[in-house]
Protein backbone atom coordinates (compact mmCIF):
# COMPACT_ATOMS: atom_id res chain seq x y z
CA MET A 1 17.14 -6.04 17.02
CA TRP A 2 14.23 -3.79 16.23
CA ALA A 3 12.03 -5.44 18.90
CA TYR A 4 14.36 -6.28 21.75
CA ARG A 5 17.43 -4.15 21.32
CA PRO A 6 16.46 -0.96 19.37
CA HIS A 7 18.78 0.99 21.65
CA HIS A 8 21.66 -0.97 19.88
CA VAL A 9 20.73 0.28 16.35
CA HIS A 10 23.11 3.16 16.72
CA HIS A 11 26.00 0.77 17.12
CA THR A 12 25.22 -0.53 13.65
CA SER A 13 24.81 2.79 11.84
CA PHE A 14 26.00 5.72 14.13
CA ASP A 15 26.13 8.13 11.26
CA LYS A 16 22.28 7.74 10.81
CA VAL A 17 21.12 6.91 14.32
CA GLN A 18 22.42 8.51 17.43
CA GLY A 19 20.23 6.85 19.92
CA CYS A 20 16.93 5.20 21.02
CA ASP A 21 15.61 6.09 24.47
CA LEU A 22 12.92 4.08 26.30
CA HIS A 23 10.13 6.49 27.38
CA GLU A 24 7.44 3.98 28.57
CA GLY A 25 7.06 0.25 28.76
CA GLU A 26 9.56 -2.47 28.08
CA PHE A 27 11.68 -3.31 24.97
CA GLY A 28 10.20 -6.32 23.18
CA LYS A 29 6.59 -5.62 24.17
CA PRO A 30 3.87 -4.04 22.09
CA GLY A 31 2.90 -0.59 23.51
CA VAL A 32 6.45 0.40 24.32
CA ILE A 33 7.20 4.01 23.63
CA ILE A 34 10.60 4.97 22.24
CA CYS A 35 12.28 8.16 20.98
CA TRP A 36 14.80 8.01 18.21
CA LYS A 37 17.51 10.58 17.52
CA TYR A 38 18.66 10.29 13.88
CA VAL A 39 20.16 12.21 11.06
CA HIS A 40 18.22 12.46 7.77
CA ASP A 41 19.16 14.70 4.87
CA GLY A 42 21.98 16.06 6.92
CA LYS A 43 19.74 17.33 9.68
CA ALA A 44 19.45 16.02 13.35
CA LYS A 45 15.85 14.75 13.90
CA THR A 46 13.66 13.00 16.40
CA ALA A 47 10.83 10.47 16.18
CA LYS A 48 8.68 9.41 19.10
CA GLN A 49 6.94 6.12 18.35
CA VAL A 50 4.84 3.38 19.89
CA VAL A 51 5.48 -0.17 18.92
CA GLU A 52 2.02 -1.29 17.85
CA GLU A 53 2.84 -4.83 16.97
CA ILE A 54 5.58 -7.43 17.27
CA ASP A 55 5.06 -10.59 15.30
CA GLU A 56 7.81 -13.01 16.12
CA GLU A 57 6.44 -15.84 13.90
CA ASN A 58 6.47 -13.59 10.85
CA LYS A 59 9.51 -11.70 11.87
CA SER A 60 7.87 -8.12 11.77
CA ILE A 61 7.41 -5.10 13.82
CA ARG A 62 5.17 -2.03 13.31
CA PHE A 63 5.89 1.47 14.71
CA LYS A 64 3.35 4.27 14.74
CA MET A 65 4.63 7.83 14.86
CA LEU A 66 3.48 9.88 17.81
CA GLU A 67 5.68 12.97 17.65
CA GLY A 68 8.79 14.31 15.91
CA ASP A 69 10.01 15.95 12.76
CA LEU A 70 7.87 13.79 10.39
CA MET A 71 4.64 14.84 12.08
CA GLU A 72 5.26 18.38 10.99
CA GLU A 73 4.18 17.28 7.44
CA TYR A 74 2.10 14.21 7.96
CA LYS A 75 -1.09 13.47 9.75
CA SER A 76 -0.16 9.89 10.36
CA PHE A 77 2.92 7.80 9.83
CA VAL A 78 3.38 4.05 10.34
CA ILE A 79 6.62 2.22 9.58
CA ALA A 80 6.70 -1.54 9.39
CA VAL A 81 9.59 -3.92 8.74
CA LYS A 82 9.45 -7.63 8.02
CA SER A 83 12.45 -9.94 7.68
CA HIS A 84 12.23 -12.57 4.90
CA PRO A 85 14.77 -15.48 5.07
CA LYS A 86 16.66 -15.89 1.89
CA LYS A 87 16.11 -19.06 -0.08
CA ASP A 88 19.67 -20.39 0.43
CA GLY A 89 19.16 -19.87 4.27
CA GLU A 90 22.05 -17.43 4.52
CA GLY A 91 20.60 -14.20 5.98
CA SER A 92 17.35 -12.36 5.33
CA ILE A 93 15.79 -9.58 3.25
CA ALA A 94 14.15 -6.68 5.05
CA HIS A 95 10.97 -5.34 3.54
CA TRP A 96 10.14 -1.81 4.73
CA THR A 97 6.64 -0.39 4.47
CA LEU A 98 5.80 3.28 5.03
CA LYS A 99 2.23 4.35 5.29
CA TYR A 100 1.54 7.93 5.72
CA GLU A 101 -1.00 10.66 5.19
CA MET A 102 0.23 14.14 4.08
CA LEU A 103 -1.15 17.20 5.69
CA HIS A 104 -1.63 18.71 2.24
CA ASP A 105 -0.82 18.21 -1.41
CA GLY A 106 2.38 20.25 -1.39
CA ILE A 107 4.27 17.70 0.54
CA GLY A 108 6.44 15.36 -1.35
CA HIS A 109 6.84 11.62 -0.92
CA LEU A 110 9.89 10.43 1.01
CA GLU A 111 12.24 8.97 -1.50
CA SER A 112 15.19 10.16 0.60
CA LEU A 113 13.68 8.34 3.71
CA ARG A 114 13.38 5.14 1.59
CA GLN A 115 17.03 5.45 0.77
CA PHE A 116 17.80 6.09 4.52
CA PHE A 117 16.23 2.71 5.36
CA ILE A 118 17.93 0.88 2.58
CA GLU A 119 21.29 2.11 3.82
CA LEU A 120 20.43 1.54 7.57
CA THR A 121 19.36 -2.05 6.72
CA GLY A 122 22.72 -2.67 4.89
CA ASP A 123 24.65 -1.19 7.90
CA MET A 124 22.71 -3.46 10.35
CA GLY A 125 23.22 -6.52 8.19
CA GLY A 126 27.02 -5.91 8.04
CA HIS A 127 27.07 -5.49 11.82
CA LEU A 128 25.01 -8.63 12.58
CA VAL A 129 27.21 -10.78 10.22
CA ASN A 130 30.30 -9.49 12.01
CA GLU A 131 28.48 -10.17 15.40
CA LYS A 132 28.30 -13.88 14.59
């Protein structure tokens, strides 16, 4: 879903993600530029990102932040998600990696964003199970 249908993520977790607009390129291809509308910590936010890498074999994707609310406090911000199949073959586990450089020492680490991704992943998992 992250690579080919990111514009469907809001169907899985509409309280967190309001939309994903295509700005340039084609979904499913590296280099595509998308803009997310989401709610974090009770506030409406945006994130414009480029998909740097899609690795189908390893079931991973990496987004680099270009513009948006996070860039007001961070010099750089990269989000990667990798899906690991469960040992029993039933479903997968998502591993999120957030790499960022703060503009200054007074900016805190994003524990609430980590929780956002945990909840979003759970919402998506529930949606995908029901989709089958």
